[in-house]
């Protein structure tokens, strides 16, 4: 849950990650070799939109338990922030596109895209879509 509102003595919660990621990921639906790098908190949201994604631990650099190994991902969805960044993906990878879910200008995802010469897609679309959905949620419950 990433959105809350208190109505009387009750807290109402929702998660806008699915909605935000869906707004960002439209152009990735037909790609089969996609890696989610890090992002333990967004795995379910990413997989609800792109079930073919293989989730990797950003700390360990390996596929998470039960996930398939991708030798040459076309797309890396970057979901590790600067303060949690420890490892880079395999030097053997040559992704064409980095989709960055980190909203900061100094994101290691942006740095990685520059290092490997990949197209960089900012997560700003996701962030904006999430904000719109959060405001809708608050308006609905704070009438």
N, C-alpha and C. Protein backbone atom coordinates (compact mmCIF):
# COMPACT_ATOMS: atom_id res chain seq x y z
N UNK A 1 0.83 -1.17 0.00
CA UNK A 1 0.00 0.00 0.00
C UNK A 1 0.89 1.25 0.00
N UNK A 2 0.52 2.18 -0.84
CA UNK A 2 1.31 3.41 -0.89
C UNK A 2 0.45 4.67 -0.75
N UNK A 3 -0.83 4.50 -0.46
CA UNK A 3 -1.73 5.64 -0.33
C UNK A 3 -2.69 5.38 0.81
N UNK A 4 -2.84 6.39 1.66
CA UNK A 4 -3.73 6.23 2.82
C UNK A 4 -4.55 7.50 3.03
N UNK A 5 -5.73 7.31 3.58
CA UNK A 5 -6.57 8.43 3.98
C UNK A 5 -7.31 8.00 5.24
N UNK A 6 -7.42 8.91 6.20
CA UNK A 6 -8.15 8.61 7.42
C UNK A 6 -9.55 9.20 7.30
N UNK A 7 -10.54 8.34 7.43
CA UNK A 7 -11.94 8.74 7.38
C UNK A 7 -12.53 8.36 8.73
N UNK A 8 -12.84 9.38 9.53
CA UNK A 8 -13.28 9.11 10.90
C UNK A 8 -12.16 8.46 11.66
N UNK A 9 -12.43 7.29 12.22
CA UNK A 9 -11.37 6.58 12.94
C UNK A 9 -10.74 5.47 12.10
N UNK A 10 -11.17 5.33 10.84
CA UNK A 10 -10.67 4.27 9.96
C UNK A 10 -9.63 4.78 8.98
N UNK A 11 -8.64 3.95 8.71
CA UNK A 11 -7.67 4.22 7.66
C UNK A 11 -8.06 3.42 6.43
N UNK A 12 -8.17 4.07 5.30
CA UNK A 12 -8.42 3.40 4.03
C UNK A 12 -7.12 3.40 3.25
N UNK A 13 -6.76 2.26 2.67
CA UNK A 13 -5.47 2.10 1.99
C UNK A 13 -5.69 1.62 0.57
N UNK A 14 -4.78 2.01 -0.31
CA UNK A 14 -4.77 1.48 -1.68
C UNK A 14 -3.34 1.50 -2.19
N UNK A 15 -3.14 0.82 -3.29
CA UNK A 15 -1.83 0.78 -3.93
C UNK A 15 -2.01 1.25 -5.37
N UNK A 16 -1.28 2.28 -5.75
CA UNK A 16 -1.40 2.82 -7.10
C UNK A 16 -0.27 2.36 -8.03
N UNK A 17 0.58 1.44 -7.56
CA UNK A 17 1.70 0.98 -8.38
C UNK A 17 1.24 0.30 -9.67
N UNK A 18 0.23 -0.58 -9.58
CA UNK A 18 -0.26 -1.28 -10.79
C UNK A 18 -0.70 -0.27 -11.84
N UNK A 19 -1.51 0.68 -11.42
CA UNK A 19 -2.02 1.70 -12.33
C UNK A 19 -0.88 2.52 -12.93
N UNK A 20 0.05 2.95 -12.08
CA UNK A 20 1.18 3.76 -12.57
C UNK A 20 2.06 2.99 -13.52
N UNK A 21 2.38 1.73 -13.17
CA UNK A 21 3.25 0.95 -14.04
C UNK A 21 2.57 0.64 -15.36
N UNK A 22 1.27 0.37 -15.35
CA UNK A 22 0.54 0.11 -16.59
C UNK A 22 0.63 1.30 -17.53
N UNK A 23 0.59 2.51 -16.99
CA UNK A 23 0.70 3.71 -17.83
C UNK A 23 2.08 3.81 -18.48
N UNK A 24 3.08 3.31 -17.80
CA UNK A 24 4.46 3.38 -18.30
C UNK A 24 4.80 2.24 -19.26
N UNK A 25 4.23 1.07 -19.06
CA UNK A 25 4.72 -0.15 -19.70
C UNK A 25 4.03 -0.54 -20.99
N UNK A 26 3.15 0.26 -21.52
CA UNK A 26 2.41 -0.12 -22.71
C UNK A 26 3.27 -0.61 -23.87
N UNK A 27 4.39 0.04 -24.10
CA UNK A 27 5.24 -0.32 -25.24
C UNK A 27 6.08 -1.57 -24.99
N UNK A 28 6.01 -2.17 -23.80
CA UNK A 28 6.83 -3.34 -23.48
C UNK A 28 6.08 -4.65 -23.54
N UNK A 29 4.79 -4.62 -23.83
CA UNK A 29 3.95 -5.81 -23.72
C UNK A 29 4.36 -6.97 -24.63
N UNK A 30 4.94 -6.70 -25.77
CA UNK A 30 5.29 -7.78 -26.71
C UNK A 30 6.74 -8.24 -26.60
N UNK A 31 7.45 -7.78 -25.59
CA UNK A 31 8.84 -8.17 -25.38
C UNK A 31 8.86 -9.28 -24.34
N UNK A 32 9.58 -10.36 -24.63
CA UNK A 32 9.56 -11.51 -23.72
C UNK A 32 10.75 -11.54 -22.77
N UNK A 33 11.87 -10.96 -23.13
CA UNK A 33 13.05 -11.06 -22.27
C UNK A 33 13.31 -9.74 -21.54
N UNK A 34 12.57 -9.59 -20.44
CA UNK A 34 12.63 -8.38 -19.61
C UNK A 34 13.05 -8.79 -18.21
N UNK A 35 13.97 -8.02 -17.64
CA UNK A 35 14.41 -8.25 -16.27
C UNK A 35 13.99 -7.06 -15.41
N UNK A 36 13.44 -7.35 -14.26
CA UNK A 36 13.21 -6.34 -13.22
C UNK A 36 14.40 -6.41 -12.29
N UNK A 37 15.19 -5.35 -12.25
CA UNK A 37 16.40 -5.31 -11.43
C UNK A 37 16.07 -4.63 -10.10
N UNK A 38 15.99 -5.44 -9.04
CA UNK A 38 15.63 -4.91 -7.72
C UNK A 38 14.12 -4.80 -7.59
N UNK A 39 13.70 -3.86 -6.77
CA UNK A 39 12.28 -3.54 -6.70
C UNK A 39 11.41 -4.56 -6.02
N UNK A 40 11.88 -5.13 -4.91
CA UNK A 40 11.06 -6.10 -4.19
C UNK A 40 9.64 -5.63 -3.93
N UNK A 41 9.48 -4.34 -3.69
CA UNK A 41 8.17 -3.81 -3.38
C UNK A 41 7.24 -3.64 -4.57
N UNK A 42 7.78 -3.69 -5.78
CA UNK A 42 6.94 -3.50 -6.97
C UNK A 42 6.81 -4.75 -7.84
N UNK A 43 7.37 -5.86 -7.38
CA UNK A 43 7.33 -7.09 -8.18
C UNK A 43 5.90 -7.44 -8.58
N UNK A 44 4.99 -7.48 -7.63
CA UNK A 44 3.62 -7.88 -7.93
C UNK A 44 2.97 -6.93 -8.93
N UNK A 45 3.22 -5.63 -8.77
CA UNK A 45 2.63 -4.65 -9.69
C UNK A 45 3.19 -4.80 -11.09
N UNK A 46 4.51 -4.98 -11.20
CA UNK A 46 5.13 -5.15 -12.51
C UNK A 46 4.62 -6.43 -13.17
N UNK A 47 4.58 -7.52 -12.40
CA UNK A 47 4.13 -8.80 -12.97
C UNK A 47 2.63 -8.80 -13.31
N UNK A 48 1.84 -7.96 -12.65
CA UNK A 48 0.42 -7.89 -13.00
C UNK A 48 0.24 -7.28 -14.39
N UNK A 49 1.19 -6.46 -14.81
CA UNK A 49 1.14 -5.82 -16.13
C UNK A 49 1.96 -6.60 -17.15
N UNK A 50 3.13 -7.09 -16.72
CA UNK A 50 4.05 -7.83 -17.60
C UNK A 50 4.43 -9.15 -16.94
N UNK A 51 3.58 -10.16 -17.03
CA UNK A 51 3.86 -11.43 -16.33
C UNK A 51 5.13 -12.12 -16.81
N UNK A 52 5.63 -11.78 -17.99
CA UNK A 52 6.83 -12.42 -18.53
C UNK A 52 8.13 -11.92 -17.90
N UNK A 53 8.06 -10.90 -17.06
CA UNK A 53 9.25 -10.32 -16.44
C UNK A 53 9.90 -11.33 -15.50
N UNK A 54 11.23 -11.39 -15.54
CA UNK A 54 12.00 -12.18 -14.59
C UNK A 54 12.60 -11.23 -13.58
N UNK A 55 12.32 -11.47 -12.32
CA UNK A 55 12.75 -10.57 -11.24
C UNK A 55 14.10 -10.99 -10.70
N UNK A 56 15.03 -10.04 -10.66
CA UNK A 56 16.38 -10.27 -10.14
C UNK A 56 16.59 -9.46 -8.87
N UNK A 57 17.33 -10.04 -7.94
CA UNK A 57 17.73 -9.31 -6.75
C UNK A 57 18.85 -8.33 -7.15
N UNK A 58 18.64 -7.05 -6.90
CA UNK A 58 19.67 -6.06 -7.19
C UNK A 58 20.88 -6.22 -6.28
N UNK A 59 20.66 -6.72 -5.06
CA UNK A 59 21.77 -6.91 -4.12
C UNK A 59 22.63 -8.10 -4.49
N UNK A 60 21.99 -9.20 -4.88
CA UNK A 60 22.72 -10.43 -5.17
C UNK A 60 23.08 -10.58 -6.64
N UNK A 61 22.32 -9.91 -7.52
CA UNK A 61 22.60 -10.00 -8.95
C UNK A 61 22.10 -11.27 -9.60
N UNK A 62 21.24 -12.00 -8.94
CA UNK A 62 20.73 -13.28 -9.45
C UNK A 62 19.21 -13.23 -9.55
N UNK A 63 18.64 -14.15 -10.37
CA UNK A 63 17.18 -14.24 -10.39
C UNK A 63 16.67 -14.61 -9.00
N UNK A 64 15.55 -14.04 -8.62
CA UNK A 64 14.93 -14.41 -7.35
C UNK A 64 14.45 -15.85 -7.45
N UNK A 65 14.18 -16.46 -6.31
CA UNK A 65 13.74 -17.86 -6.26
C UNK A 65 12.52 -18.06 -7.16
N UNK A 66 12.61 -19.07 -8.02
CA UNK A 66 11.50 -19.40 -8.91
C UNK A 66 11.47 -18.61 -10.21
N UNK A 67 12.39 -17.68 -10.37
CA UNK A 67 12.43 -16.85 -11.58
C UNK A 67 13.43 -17.42 -12.59
N UNK A 68 13.18 -17.20 -13.86
CA UNK A 68 14.07 -17.74 -14.89
C UNK A 68 15.27 -16.81 -15.11
N UNK A 69 16.36 -17.42 -15.52
CA UNK A 69 17.57 -16.67 -15.88
C UNK A 69 17.40 -16.12 -17.29
N UNK A 70 17.70 -14.87 -17.46
CA UNK A 70 17.65 -14.23 -18.79
C UNK A 70 19.09 -13.91 -19.17
N UNK A 71 19.57 -14.51 -20.25
CA UNK A 71 20.97 -14.30 -20.65
C UNK A 71 21.20 -12.95 -21.32
N UNK A 72 20.25 -12.52 -22.15
CA UNK A 72 20.38 -11.26 -22.89
C UNK A 72 19.06 -10.49 -22.83
N UNK A 73 18.79 -9.81 -21.73
CA UNK A 73 17.52 -9.07 -21.68
C UNK A 73 17.51 -7.92 -22.68
N UNK A 74 16.38 -7.76 -23.32
CA UNK A 74 16.18 -6.60 -24.21
C UNK A 74 15.92 -5.35 -23.40
N UNK A 75 15.22 -5.55 -22.29
CA UNK A 75 14.81 -4.44 -21.42
C UNK A 75 15.18 -4.77 -19.99
N UNK A 76 15.73 -3.78 -19.29
CA UNK A 76 15.93 -3.88 -17.85
C UNK A 76 15.07 -2.80 -17.21
N UNK A 77 14.18 -3.24 -16.33
CA UNK A 77 13.38 -2.30 -15.54
C UNK A 77 14.16 -2.07 -14.26
N UNK A 78 14.66 -0.85 -14.10
CA UNK A 78 15.52 -0.51 -12.97
C UNK A 78 14.66 -0.06 -11.79
N UNK A 79 14.81 -0.77 -10.66
CA UNK A 79 14.00 -0.43 -9.49
C UNK A 79 14.84 -0.42 -8.21
N UNK A 80 16.07 0.07 -8.34
CA UNK A 80 16.96 0.19 -7.18
C UNK A 80 17.38 1.65 -7.08
N UNK A 81 17.22 2.21 -5.90
CA UNK A 81 17.62 3.60 -5.68
C UNK A 81 19.10 3.73 -5.37
N UNK A 82 19.57 4.94 -5.38
CA UNK A 82 20.99 5.23 -5.12
C UNK A 82 21.42 4.68 -3.76
N UNK A 83 20.62 4.84 -2.73
CA UNK A 83 21.03 4.41 -1.40
C UNK A 83 21.00 2.89 -1.21
N UNK A 84 20.40 2.15 -2.13
CA UNK A 84 20.35 0.69 -2.02
C UNK A 84 21.15 0.00 -3.12
N UNK A 85 21.76 0.79 -3.98
CA UNK A 85 22.49 0.23 -5.12
C UNK A 85 23.82 -0.38 -4.67
N UNK A 86 24.02 -1.65 -4.96
CA UNK A 86 25.27 -2.33 -4.60
C UNK A 86 25.95 -2.97 -5.81
N UNK A 87 25.17 -3.48 -6.74
CA UNK A 87 25.71 -4.23 -7.87
C UNK A 87 25.14 -3.74 -9.19
N UNK A 88 25.90 -3.94 -10.24
CA UNK A 88 25.43 -3.70 -11.60
C UNK A 88 25.02 -5.03 -12.20
N UNK A 89 24.10 -5.02 -13.16
CA UNK A 89 23.78 -6.26 -13.88
C UNK A 89 25.02 -6.83 -14.58
N UNK A 90 24.91 -8.05 -15.04
CA UNK A 90 26.00 -8.75 -15.71
C UNK A 90 26.61 -7.92 -16.83
N UNK A 91 27.92 -7.95 -16.92
CA UNK A 91 28.61 -7.24 -18.01
C UNK A 91 28.27 -7.84 -19.37
N UNK A 92 27.78 -9.08 -19.40
CA UNK A 92 27.40 -9.75 -20.64
C UNK A 92 26.10 -9.21 -21.22
N UNK A 93 25.31 -8.57 -20.40
CA UNK A 93 24.04 -8.03 -20.88
C UNK A 93 24.27 -6.83 -21.77
N UNK A 94 23.42 -6.70 -22.76
CA UNK A 94 23.46 -5.53 -23.64
C UNK A 94 22.02 -5.09 -23.91
N UNK A 95 21.32 -4.66 -22.86
CA UNK A 95 19.91 -4.29 -23.07
C UNK A 95 19.78 -3.09 -23.99
N UNK A 96 18.69 -3.09 -24.75
CA UNK A 96 18.41 -1.97 -25.66
C UNK A 96 17.75 -0.83 -24.92
N UNK A 97 17.01 -1.15 -23.84
CA UNK A 97 16.21 -0.15 -23.15
C UNK A 97 16.31 -0.34 -21.64
N UNK A 98 16.42 0.78 -20.93
CA UNK A 98 16.34 0.79 -19.48
C UNK A 98 15.10 1.61 -19.11
N UNK A 99 14.19 0.99 -18.38
CA UNK A 99 13.00 1.68 -17.87
C UNK A 99 13.28 1.92 -16.39
N UNK A 100 13.35 3.17 -16.00
CA UNK A 100 13.81 3.54 -14.66
C UNK A 100 12.64 3.88 -13.75
N UNK A 101 12.41 3.06 -12.72
CA UNK A 101 11.34 3.32 -11.77
C UNK A 101 11.82 4.18 -10.60
N UNK A 102 13.07 4.55 -10.63
CA UNK A 102 13.61 5.46 -9.62
C UNK A 102 13.39 6.87 -10.14
N UNK A 103 12.80 7.72 -9.35
CA UNK A 103 12.40 9.04 -9.82
C UNK A 103 13.46 10.11 -9.66
N UNK A 104 14.63 9.78 -9.16
CA UNK A 104 15.63 10.82 -8.91
C UNK A 104 16.52 11.04 -10.12
N UNK A 105 17.02 12.24 -10.23
CA UNK A 105 17.90 12.60 -11.35
C UNK A 105 19.24 11.87 -11.29
N UNK A 106 19.66 11.46 -10.08
CA UNK A 106 20.94 10.76 -9.95
C UNK A 106 20.77 9.25 -9.87
N UNK A 107 19.73 8.74 -10.49
CA UNK A 107 19.43 7.32 -10.44
C UNK A 107 20.55 6.49 -11.07
N UNK A 108 20.91 5.38 -10.40
CA UNK A 108 21.85 4.47 -11.03
C UNK A 108 21.30 3.85 -12.31
N UNK A 109 19.97 3.83 -12.46
CA UNK A 109 19.37 3.32 -13.71
C UNK A 109 19.76 4.19 -14.89
N UNK A 110 19.76 5.48 -14.69
CA UNK A 110 20.18 6.41 -15.75
C UNK A 110 21.68 6.21 -16.05
N UNK A 111 22.45 6.04 -14.98
CA UNK A 111 23.89 5.80 -15.13
C UNK A 111 24.14 4.51 -15.91
N UNK A 112 23.38 3.46 -15.58
CA UNK A 112 23.53 2.18 -16.26
C UNK A 112 23.18 2.31 -17.75
N UNK A 113 22.10 3.02 -18.06
CA UNK A 113 21.73 3.24 -19.46
C UNK A 113 22.87 3.91 -20.23
N UNK A 114 23.49 4.89 -19.62
CA UNK A 114 24.63 5.55 -20.27
C UNK A 114 25.81 4.60 -20.43
N UNK A 115 26.06 3.77 -19.43
CA UNK A 115 27.19 2.82 -19.48
C UNK A 115 27.04 1.82 -20.62
N UNK A 116 25.80 1.33 -20.85
CA UNK A 116 25.61 0.28 -21.85
C UNK A 116 25.09 0.83 -23.18
N UNK A 117 24.88 2.14 -23.27
CA UNK A 117 24.40 2.75 -24.51
C UNK A 117 22.96 2.41 -24.83
N UNK A 118 22.14 2.25 -23.81
CA UNK A 118 20.73 1.87 -24.01
C UNK A 118 19.84 3.10 -24.02
N UNK A 119 18.68 2.95 -24.67
CA UNK A 119 17.64 3.98 -24.60
C UNK A 119 17.21 4.08 -23.14
N UNK A 120 16.98 5.28 -22.67
CA UNK A 120 16.57 5.51 -21.28
C UNK A 120 15.13 6.00 -21.26
N UNK A 121 14.30 5.31 -20.48
CA UNK A 121 12.91 5.74 -20.29
C UNK A 121 12.72 6.06 -18.81
N UNK A 122 12.42 7.29 -18.53
CA UNK A 122 12.22 7.75 -17.16
C UNK A 122 10.92 7.18 -16.60
N UNK A 123 10.90 7.00 -15.29
CA UNK A 123 9.70 6.54 -14.60
C UNK A 123 8.72 7.66 -14.30
N UNK A 124 8.97 8.85 -14.85
CA UNK A 124 8.11 10.00 -14.56
C UNK A 124 6.65 9.74 -14.95
N UNK A 125 6.42 9.00 -16.02
CA UNK A 125 5.05 8.68 -16.44
C UNK A 125 4.36 7.87 -15.34
N UNK A 126 5.07 6.91 -14.77
CA UNK A 126 4.51 6.10 -13.69
C UNK A 126 4.21 6.98 -12.48
N UNK A 127 5.16 7.82 -12.13
CA UNK A 127 5.02 8.70 -10.97
C UNK A 127 3.80 9.62 -11.13
N UNK A 128 3.63 10.20 -12.30
CA UNK A 128 2.51 11.10 -12.56
C UNK A 128 1.18 10.35 -12.53
N UNK A 129 1.15 9.16 -13.15
CA UNK A 129 -0.08 8.36 -13.15
C UNK A 129 -0.46 7.94 -11.72
N UNK A 130 0.54 7.59 -10.92
CA UNK A 130 0.28 7.23 -9.52
C UNK A 130 -0.30 8.43 -8.78
N UNK A 131 0.29 9.59 -8.98
CA UNK A 131 -0.19 10.80 -8.30
C UNK A 131 -1.63 11.10 -8.68
N UNK A 132 -1.95 10.96 -9.96
CA UNK A 132 -3.34 11.19 -10.40
C UNK A 132 -4.29 10.21 -9.71
N UNK A 133 -3.91 8.94 -9.65
CA UNK A 133 -4.76 7.92 -9.02
C UNK A 133 -4.88 8.16 -7.51
N UNK A 134 -3.81 8.61 -6.89
CA UNK A 134 -3.86 8.92 -5.46
C UNK A 134 -4.82 10.08 -5.19
N UNK A 135 -4.76 11.11 -6.00
CA UNK A 135 -5.66 12.25 -5.83
C UNK A 135 -7.11 11.83 -6.03
N UNK A 136 -7.34 10.98 -7.02
CA UNK A 136 -8.69 10.46 -7.25
C UNK A 136 -9.19 9.70 -6.01
N UNK A 137 -8.34 8.88 -5.43
CA UNK A 137 -8.67 8.11 -4.23
C UNK A 137 -9.02 9.05 -3.07
N UNK A 138 -8.20 10.08 -2.88
CA UNK A 138 -8.44 11.01 -1.79
C UNK A 138 -9.74 11.80 -2.00
N UNK A 139 -9.96 12.26 -3.24
CA UNK A 139 -11.20 13.01 -3.52
C UNK A 139 -12.43 12.15 -3.25
N UNK A 140 -12.34 10.88 -3.66
CA UNK A 140 -13.46 9.96 -3.48
C UNK A 140 -13.82 9.76 -2.00
N UNK A 141 -12.79 9.73 -1.14
CA UNK A 141 -13.02 9.41 0.26
C UNK A 141 -13.05 10.62 1.20
N UNK A 142 -12.73 11.78 0.67
CA UNK A 142 -12.74 12.98 1.53
C UNK A 142 -13.82 13.95 1.11
N UNK A 143 -14.94 13.43 0.66
CA UNK A 143 -16.06 14.27 0.21
C UNK A 143 -16.67 15.01 1.37
